[in-house]
Amino acid sequence: GDGIVMAFENVLQKLLEDYGNDDTRNVKETTEYLKTSWINLKQSIADRQSALEAELRTVQASRRDLENFLKWIQEA
């Protein structure tokens, strides 16, 4: 996705240069909104991935504990 966003920014920058004498406030505001949304989305994905990885480690530890408990029960 970063490549697409960068390509979009390059095209947009070219358009802003070509139409520099026109009122481009709306385009600039929308671009900033999209860039901010993209950054927030990437951060949200990274946070969610970290949370899922932590939960996976917890589940794996619980499974090991359960296996050890079952072994102990069988020996007892």
PDB file of N, CA and C in Angstrom:
ATOM      1  N   GLY A   1       0.788  -1.198   0.000  1.00  0.00           N
ATOM      2  CA  GLY A   1       0.000   0.000   0.000  1.00  0.00           C
ATOM      3  C   GLY A   1       0.833   1.265   0.000  1.00  0.00           C
ATOM      4  N   ASP A   2       2.028   1.212   0.594  1.00  0.00           N
ATOM      5  CA  ASP A   2       2.848   2.427   0.651  1.00  0.00           C
ATOM      6  C   ASP A   2       3.230   2.910  -0.744  1.00  0.00           C
ATOM      7  N   GLY A   3       3.508   1.976  -1.651  1.00  0.00           N
ATOM      8  CA  GLY A   3       3.867   2.357  -3.015  1.00  0.00           C
ATOM      9  C   GLY A   3       2.740   3.088  -3.713  1.00  0.00           C
ATOM     10  N   ILE A   4       1.537   2.612  -3.503  1.00  0.00           N
ATOM     11  CA  ILE A   4       0.366   3.264  -4.108  1.00  0.00           C
ATOM     12  C   ILE A   4       0.180   4.662  -3.534  1.00  0.00           C
ATOM     13  N   VAL A   5       0.335   4.788  -2.233  1.00  0.00           N
ATOM     14  CA  VAL A   5       0.186   6.094  -1.591  1.00  0.00           C
ATOM     15  C   VAL A   5       1.266   7.051  -2.097  1.00  0.00           C
ATOM     16  N   MET A   6       2.488   6.551  -2.232  1.00  0.00           N
ATOM     17  CA  MET A   6       3.568   7.404  -2.730  1.00  0.00           C
ATOM     18  C   MET A   6       3.309   7.830  -4.173  1.00  0.00           C
ATOM     19  N   ALA A   7       2.837   6.901  -5.007  1.00  0.00           N
ATOM     20  CA  ALA A   7       2.512   7.242  -6.395  1.00  0.00           C
ATOM     21  C   ALA A   7       1.399   8.283  -6.447  1.00  0.00           C
ATOM     22  N   PHE A   8       0.401   8.109  -5.596  1.00  0.00           N
ATOM     23  CA  PHE A   8      -0.691   9.081  -5.514  1.00  0.00           C
ATOM     24  C   PHE A   8      -0.155  10.453  -5.128  1.00  0.00           C
ATOM     25  N   GLU A   9       0.723  10.497  -4.145  1.00  0.00           N
ATOM     26  CA  GLU A   9       1.295  11.774  -3.706  1.00  0.00           C
ATOM     27  C   GLU A   9       2.106  12.424  -4.826  1.00  0.00           C
ATOM     28  N   ASN A  10       2.840  11.616  -5.584  1.00  0.00           N
ATOM     29  CA  ASN A  10       3.627  12.166  -6.690  1.00  0.00           C
ATOM     30  C   ASN A  10       2.730  12.785  -7.761  1.00  0.00           C
ATOM     31  N   VAL A  11       1.669  12.070  -8.129  1.00  0.00           N
ATOM     32  CA  VAL A  11       0.728  12.594  -9.122  1.00  0.00           C
ATOM     33  C   VAL A  11       0.057  13.852  -8.588  1.00  0.00           C
ATOM     34  N   LEU A  12      -0.334  13.811  -7.341  1.00  0.00           N
ATOM     35  CA  LEU A  12      -0.988  14.965  -6.743  1.00  0.00           C
ATOM     36  C   LEU A  12      -0.053  16.165  -6.717  1.00  0.00           C
ATOM     37  N   GLN A  13       1.203  15.934  -6.364  1.00  0.00           N
ATOM     38  CA  GLN A  13       2.175  17.022  -6.322  1.00  0.00           C
ATOM     39  C   GLN A  13       2.338  17.651  -7.699  1.00  0.00           C
ATOM     40  N   LYS A  14       2.370  16.820  -8.719  1.00  0.00           N
ATOM     41  CA  LYS A  14       2.478  17.317 -10.097  1.00  0.00           C
ATOM     42  C   LYS A  14       1.253  18.164 -10.450  1.00  0.00           C
ATOM     43  N   LEU A  15       0.077  17.689 -10.074  1.00  0.00           N
ATOM     44  CA  LEU A  15      -1.146  18.456 -10.341  1.00  0.00           C
ATOM     45  C   LEU A  15      -1.136  19.800  -9.608  1.00  0.00           C
ATOM     46  N   LEU A  16      -0.696  19.779  -8.363  1.00  0.00           N
ATOM     47  CA  LEU A  16      -0.646  21.023  -7.590  1.00  0.00           C
ATOM     48  C   LEU A  16       0.346  22.005  -8.204  1.00  0.00           C
ATOM     49  N   GLU A  17       1.441  21.486  -8.746  1.00  0.00           N
ATOM     50  CA  GLU A  17       2.402  22.358  -9.424  1.00  0.00           C
ATOM     51  C   GLU A  17       1.797  22.933 -10.704  1.00  0.00           C
ATOM     52  N   ASP A  18       1.118  22.081 -11.469  1.00  0.00           N
ATOM     53  CA  ASP A  18       0.522  22.529 -12.729  1.00  0.00           C
ATOM     54  C   ASP A  18      -0.590  23.548 -12.517  1.00  0.00           C
ATOM     55  N   TYR A  19      -1.312  23.411 -11.426  1.00  0.00           N
ATOM     56  CA  TYR A  19      -2.437  24.301 -11.140  1.00  0.00           C
ATOM     57  C   TYR A  19      -2.162  25.160  -9.912  1.00  0.00           C
ATOM     58  N   GLY A  20      -0.913  25.569  -9.772  1.00  0.00           N
ATOM     59  CA  GLY A  20      -0.496  26.357  -8.614  1.00  0.00           C
ATOM     60  C   GLY A  20      -1.198  27.688  -8.478  1.00  0.00           C
ATOM     61  N   ASN A  21      -1.682  28.240  -9.577  1.00  0.00           N
ATOM     62  CA  ASN A  21      -2.368  29.537  -9.524  1.00  0.00           C
ATOM     63  C   ASN A  21      -3.841  29.411  -9.144  1.00  0.00           C
ATOM     64  N   ASP A  22      -4.353  28.192  -9.151  1.00  0.00           N
ATOM     65  CA  ASP A  22      -5.758  27.969  -8.807  1.00  0.00           C
ATOM     66  C   ASP A  22      -5.910  27.744  -7.306  1.00  0.00           C
ATOM     67  N   ASP A  23      -7.155  27.788  -6.843  1.00  0.00           N
ATOM     68  CA  ASP A  23      -7.457  27.519  -5.438  1.00  0.00           C
ATOM     69  C   ASP A  23      -7.435  26.000  -5.225  1.00  0.00           C
ATOM     70  N   THR A  24      -6.426  25.521  -4.539  1.00  0.00           N
ATOM     71  CA  THR A  24      -6.257  24.073  -4.334  1.00  0.00           C
ATOM     72  C   THR A  24      -6.387  23.688  -2.864  1.00  0.00           C
ATOM     73  N   ARG A  25      -6.991  24.540  -2.075  1.00  0.00           N
ATOM     74  CA  ARG A  25      -7.125  24.250  -0.638  1.00  0.00           C
ATOM     75  C   ARG A  25      -7.861  22.946  -0.387  1.00  0.00           C
ATOM     76  N   ASN A  26      -8.958  22.726  -1.100  1.00  0.00           N
ATOM     77  CA  ASN A  26      -9.752  21.512  -0.898  1.00  0.00           C
ATOM     78  C   ASN A  26      -8.929  20.262  -1.225  1.00  0.00           C
ATOM     79  N   VAL A  27      -8.160  20.343  -2.293  1.00  0.00           N
ATOM     80  CA  VAL A  27      -7.313  19.212  -2.678  1.00  0.00           C
ATOM     81  C   VAL A  27      -6.264  18.954  -1.601  1.00  0.00           C
ATOM     82  N   LYS A  28      -5.656  20.012  -1.120  1.00  0.00           N
ATOM     83  CA  LYS A  28      -4.630  19.868  -0.077  1.00  0.00           C
ATOM     84  C   LYS A  28      -5.233  19.308   1.207  1.00  0.00           C
ATOM     85  N   GLU A  29      -6.397  19.803   1.600  1.00  0.00           N
ATOM     86  CA  GLU A  29      -7.059  19.317   2.815  1.00  0.00           C
ATOM     87  C   GLU A  29      -7.432  17.838   2.684  1.00  0.00           C
ATOM     88  N   THR A  30      -7.972  17.489   1.527  1.00  0.00           N
ATOM     89  CA  THR A  30      -8.352  16.094   1.295  1.00  0.00           C
ATOM     90  C   THR A  30      -7.123  15.196   1.295  1.00  0.00           C
ATOM     91  N   THR A  31      -6.049  15.668   0.697  1.00  0.00           N
ATOM     92  CA  THR A  31      -4.801  14.896   0.670  1.00  0.00           C
ATOM     93  C   THR A  31      -4.273  14.681   2.079  1.00  0.00           C
ATOM     94  N   GLU A  32      -4.259  15.728   2.870  1.00  0.00           N
ATOM     95  CA  GLU A  32      -3.800  15.593   4.257  1.00  0.00           C
ATOM     96  C   GLU A  32      -4.671  14.614   5.035  1.00  0.00           C
ATOM     97  N   TYR A  33      -5.975  14.689   4.808  1.00  0.00           N
ATOM     98  CA  TYR A  33      -6.903  13.766   5.460  1.00  0.00           C
ATOM     99  C   TYR A  33      -6.587  12.325   5.061  1.00  0.00           C
ATOM    100  N   LEU A  34      -6.370  12.098   3.762  1.00  0.00           N
ATOM    101  CA  LEU A  34      -6.068  10.749   3.286  1.00  0.00           C
ATOM    102  C   LEU A  34      -4.729  10.247   3.830  1.00  0.00           C
ATOM    103  N   LYS A  35      -3.729  11.108   3.866  1.00  0.00           N
ATOM    104  CA  LYS A  35      -2.425  10.715   4.399  1.00  0.00           C
ATOM    105  C   LYS A  35      -2.536  10.371   5.886  1.00  0.00           C
ATOM    106  N   THR A  36      -3.266  11.199   6.621  1.00  0.00           N
ATOM    107  CA  THR A  36      -3.456  10.942   8.048  1.00  0.00           C
ATOM    108  C   THR A  36      -4.231   9.643   8.263  1.00  0.00           C
ATOM    109  N   SER A  37      -5.248   9.432   7.461  1.00  0.00           N
ATOM    110  CA  SER A  37      -6.028   8.192   7.561  1.00  0.00           C
ATOM    111  C   SER A  37      -5.158   6.979   7.276  1.00  0.00           C
ATOM    112  N   TRP A  38      -4.297   7.072   6.267  1.00  0.00           N
ATOM    113  CA  TRP A  38      -3.405   5.969   5.916  1.00  0.00           C
ATOM    114  C   TRP A  38      -2.442   5.665   7.064  1.00  0.00           C
ATOM    115  N   ILE A  39      -1.868   6.705   7.642  1.00  0.00           N
ATOM    116  CA  ILE A  39      -0.943   6.524   8.770  1.00  0.00           C
ATOM    117  C   ILE A  39      -1.671   5.883   9.950  1.00  0.00           C
ATOM    118  N   ASN A  40      -2.864   6.373  10.250  1.00  0.00           N
ATOM    119  CA  ASN A  40      -3.643   5.813  11.356  1.00  0.00           C
ATOM    120  C   ASN A  40      -4.026   4.364  11.101  1.00  0.00           C
ATOM    121  N   LEU A  41      -4.382   4.051   9.859  1.00  0.00           N
ATOM    122  CA  LEU A  41      -4.730   2.678   9.506  1.00  0.00           C
ATOM    123  C   LEU A  41      -3.530   1.756   9.677  1.00  0.00           C
ATOM    124  N   LYS A  42      -2.374   2.185   9.203  1.00  0.00           N
ATOM    125  CA  LYS A  42      -1.164   1.371   9.346  1.00  0.00           C
ATOM    126  C   LYS A  42      -0.832   1.145  10.822  1.00  0.00           C
ATOM    127  N   GLN A  43      -0.974   2.193  11.631  1.00  0.00           N
ATOM    128  CA  GLN A  43      -0.690   2.056  13.060  1.00  0.00           C
ATOM    129  C   GLN A  43      -1.689   1.122  13.723  1.00  0.00           C
ATOM    130  N   SER A  44      -2.949   1.238  13.347  1.00  0.00           N
ATOM    131  CA  SER A  44      -3.980   0.359  13.893  1.00  0.00           C
ATOM    132  C   SER A  44      -3.699  -1.098  13.540  1.00  0.00           C
ATOM    133  N   ILE A  45      -3.273  -1.331  12.308  1.00  0.00           N
ATOM    134  CA  ILE A  45      -2.941  -2.694  11.880  1.00  0.00           C
ATOM    135  C   ILE A  45      -1.754  -3.218  12.674  1.00  0.00           C
ATOM    136  N   ALA A  46      -0.738  -2.391  12.842  1.00  0.00           N
ATOM    137  CA  ALA A  46       0.445  -2.808  13.603  1.00  0.00           C
ATOM    138  C   ALA A  46       0.073  -3.112  15.055  1.00  0.00           C
ATOM    139  N   ASP A  47      -0.758  -2.264  15.656  1.00  0.00           N
ATOM    140  CA  ASP A  47      -1.198  -2.493  17.039  1.00  0.00           C
ATOM    141  C   ASP A  47      -1.993  -3.790  17.153  1.00  0.00           C
ATOM    142  N   ARG A  48      -2.878  -4.021  16.195  1.00  0.00           N
ATOM    143  CA  ARG A  48      -3.704  -5.231  16.211  1.00  0.00           C
ATOM    144  C   ARG A  48      -2.842  -6.465  16.032  1.00  0.00           C
ATOM    145  N   GLN A  49      -1.856  -6.388  15.138  1.00  0.00           N
ATOM    146  CA  GLN A  49      -0.958  -7.514  14.936  1.00  0.00           C
ATOM    147  C   GLN A  49      -0.188  -7.823  16.217  1.00  0.00           C
ATOM    148  N   SER A  50       0.287  -6.800  16.887  1.00  0.00           N
ATOM    149  CA  SER A  50       1.006  -7.004  18.150  1.00  0.00           C
ATOM    150  C   SER A  50       0.105  -7.659  19.188  1.00  0.00           C
ATOM    151  N   ALA A  51      -1.129  -7.196  19.263  1.00  0.00           N
ATOM    152  CA  ALA A  51      -2.072  -7.768  20.226  1.00  0.00           C
ATOM    153  C   ALA A  51      -2.366  -9.229  19.899  1.00  0.00           C
ATOM    154  N   LEU A  52      -2.555  -9.535  18.617  1.00  0.00           N
ATOM    155  CA  LEU A  52      -2.821 -10.918  18.226  1.00  0.00           C
ATOM    156  C   LEU A  52      -1.624 -11.820  18.497  1.00  0.00           C
ATOM    157  N   GLU A  53      -0.424 -11.318  18.259  1.00  0.00           N
ATOM    158  CA  GLU A  53       0.771 -12.109  18.540  1.00  0.00           C
ATOM    159  C   GLU A  53       0.905 -12.377  20.028  1.00  0.00           C
ATOM    160  N   ALA A  54       0.586 -11.381  20.853  1.00  0.00           N
ATOM    161  CA  ALA A  54       0.625 -11.572  22.307  1.00  0.00           C
ATOM    162  C   ALA A  54      -0.410 -12.608  22.741  1.00  0.00           C
ATOM    163  N   GLU A  55      -1.603 -12.547  22.165  1.00  0.00           N
ATOM    164  CA  GLU A  55      -2.640 -13.527  22.485  1.00  0.00           C
ATOM    165  C   GLU A  55      -2.230 -14.927  22.033  1.00  0.00           C
ATOM    166  N   LEU A  56      -1.581 -15.024  20.889  1.00  0.00           N
ATOM    167  CA  LEU A  56      -1.106 -16.318  20.403  1.00  0.00           C
ATOM    168  C   LEU A  56      -0.081 -16.902  21.367  1.00  0.00           C
ATOM    169  N   ARG A  57       0.826 -16.070  21.845  1.00  0.00           N
ATOM    170  CA  ARG A  57       1.818 -16.558  22.825  1.00  0.00           C
ATOM    171  C   ARG A  57       1.127 -17.042  24.100  1.00  0.00           C
ATOM    172  N   THR A  58       0.088 -16.346  24.522  1.00  0.00           N
ATOM    173  CA  THR A  58      -0.667 -16.749  25.709  1.00  0.00           C
ATOM    174  C   THR A  58      -1.351 -18.094  25.483  1.00  0.00           C
ATOM    175  N   VAL A  59      -1.958 -18.258  24.319  1.00  0.00           N
ATOM    176  CA  VAL A  59      -2.634 -19.516  24.002  1.00  0.00           C
ATOM    177  C   VAL A  59      -1.622 -20.663  23.937  1.00  0.00           C
ATOM    178  N   GLN A  60      -0.472 -20.409  23.321  1.00  0.00           N
ATOM    179  CA  GLN A  60       0.550 -21.446  23.232  1.00  0.00           C
ATOM    180  C   GLN A  60       1.066 -21.834  24.622  1.00  0.00           C
ATOM    181  N   ALA A  61       1.244 -20.851  25.502  1.00  0.00           N
ATOM    182  CA  ALA A  61       1.687 -21.137  26.861  1.00  0.00           C
ATOM    183  C   ALA A  61       0.618 -21.919  27.611  1.00  0.00           C
ATOM    184  N   SER A  62      -0.639 -21.563  27.419  1.00  0.00           N
ATOM    185  CA  SER A  62      -1.732 -22.285  28.076  1.00  0.00           C
ATOM    186  C   SER A  62      -1.798 -23.729  27.593  1.00  0.00           C
ATOM    187  N   ARG A  63      -1.564 -23.927  26.318  1.00  0.00           N
ATOM    188  CA  ARG A  63      -1.570 -25.286  25.761  1.00  0.00           C
ATOM    189  C   ARG A  63      -0.441 -26.120  26.361  1.00  0.00           C
ATOM    190  N   ARG A  64       0.733 -25.519  26.482  1.00  0.00           N
ATOM    191  CA  ARG A  64       1.852 -26.241  27.113  1.00  0.00           C
ATOM    192  C   ARG A  64       1.527 -26.583  28.559  1.00  0.00           C
ATOM    193  N   ASP A  65       0.937 -25.618  29.273  1.00  0.00           N
ATOM    194  CA  ASP A  65       0.561 -25.867  30.663  1.00  0.00           C
ATOM    195  C   ASP A  65      -0.466 -27.000  30.753  1.00  0.00           C
ATOM    196  N   LEU A  66      -1.431 -27.000  29.851  1.00  0.00           N
ATOM    197  CA  LEU A  66      -2.441 -28.051  29.832  1.00  0.00           C
ATOM    198  C   LEU A  66      -1.809 -29.405  29.543  1.00  0.00           C
ATOM    199  N   GLU A  67      -0.905 -29.470  28.571  1.00  0.00           N
ATOM    200  CA  GLU A  67      -0.229 -30.721  28.259  1.00  0.00           C
ATOM    201  C   GLU A  67       0.566 -31.223  29.458  1.00  0.00           C
ATOM    202  N   ASN A  68       1.266 -30.316  30.128  1.00  0.00           N
ATOM    203  CA  ASN A  68       2.020 -30.704  31.324  1.00  0.00           C
ATOM    204  C   ASN A  68       1.095 -31.188  32.424  1.00  0.00           C
ATOM    205  N   PHE A  69      -0.050 -30.544  32.585  1.00  0.00           N
ATOM    206  CA  PHE A  69      -1.008 -30.944  33.602  1.00  0.00           C
ATOM    207  C   PHE A  69      -1.566 -32.340  33.282  1.00  0.00           C
ATOM    208  N   LEU A  70      -1.893 -32.577  31.999  1.00  0.00           N
ATOM    209  CA  LEU A  70      -2.410 -33.888  31.619  1.00  0.00           C
ATOM    210  C   LEU A  70      -1.378 -34.991  31.852  1.00  0.00           C
ATOM    211  N   LYS A  71      -0.118 -34.703  31.579  1.00  0.00           N
ATOM    212  CA  LYS A  71       0.942 -35.667  31.866  1.00  0.00           C
ATOM    213  C   LYS A  71       1.023 -35.951  33.357  1.00  0.00           C
ATOM    214  N   TRP A  72       0.909 -34.889  34.151  1.00  0.00           N
ATOM    215  CA  TRP A  72       0.992 -35.045  35.592  1.00  0.00           C
ATOM    216  C   TRP A  72      -0.179 -35.894  36.097  1.00  0.00           C
ATOM    217  N   ILE A  73      -1.390 -35.647  35.567  1.00  0.00           N
ATOM    218  CA  ILE A  73      -2.581 -36.413  35.957  1.00  0.00           C
ATOM    219  C   ILE A  73      -2.384 -37.890  35.636  1.00  0.00           C
ATOM    220  N   GLN A  74      -1.852 -38.177  34.446  1.00  0.00           N
ATOM    221  CA  GLN A  74      -1.652 -39.563  34.046  1.00  0.00           C
ATOM    222  C   GLN A  74      -0.639 -40.266  34.948  1.00  0.00           C
ATOM    223  N   GLU A  75       0.386 -39.529  35.357  1.00  0.00           N
ATOM    224  CA  GLU A  75       1.384 -40.116  36.243  1.00  0.00           C
ATOM    225  C   GLU A  75       0.834 -40.307  37.652  1.00  0.00           C
ATOM    226  N   ALA A  76      -0.039 -39.393  38.056  1.00  0.00           N
ATOM    227  CA  ALA A  76      -0.608 -39.485  39.407  1.00  0.00           C
ATOM    228  C   ALA A  76      -1.612 -40.619  39.410  1.00  0.00           C
TER     229      ALA A  76
END
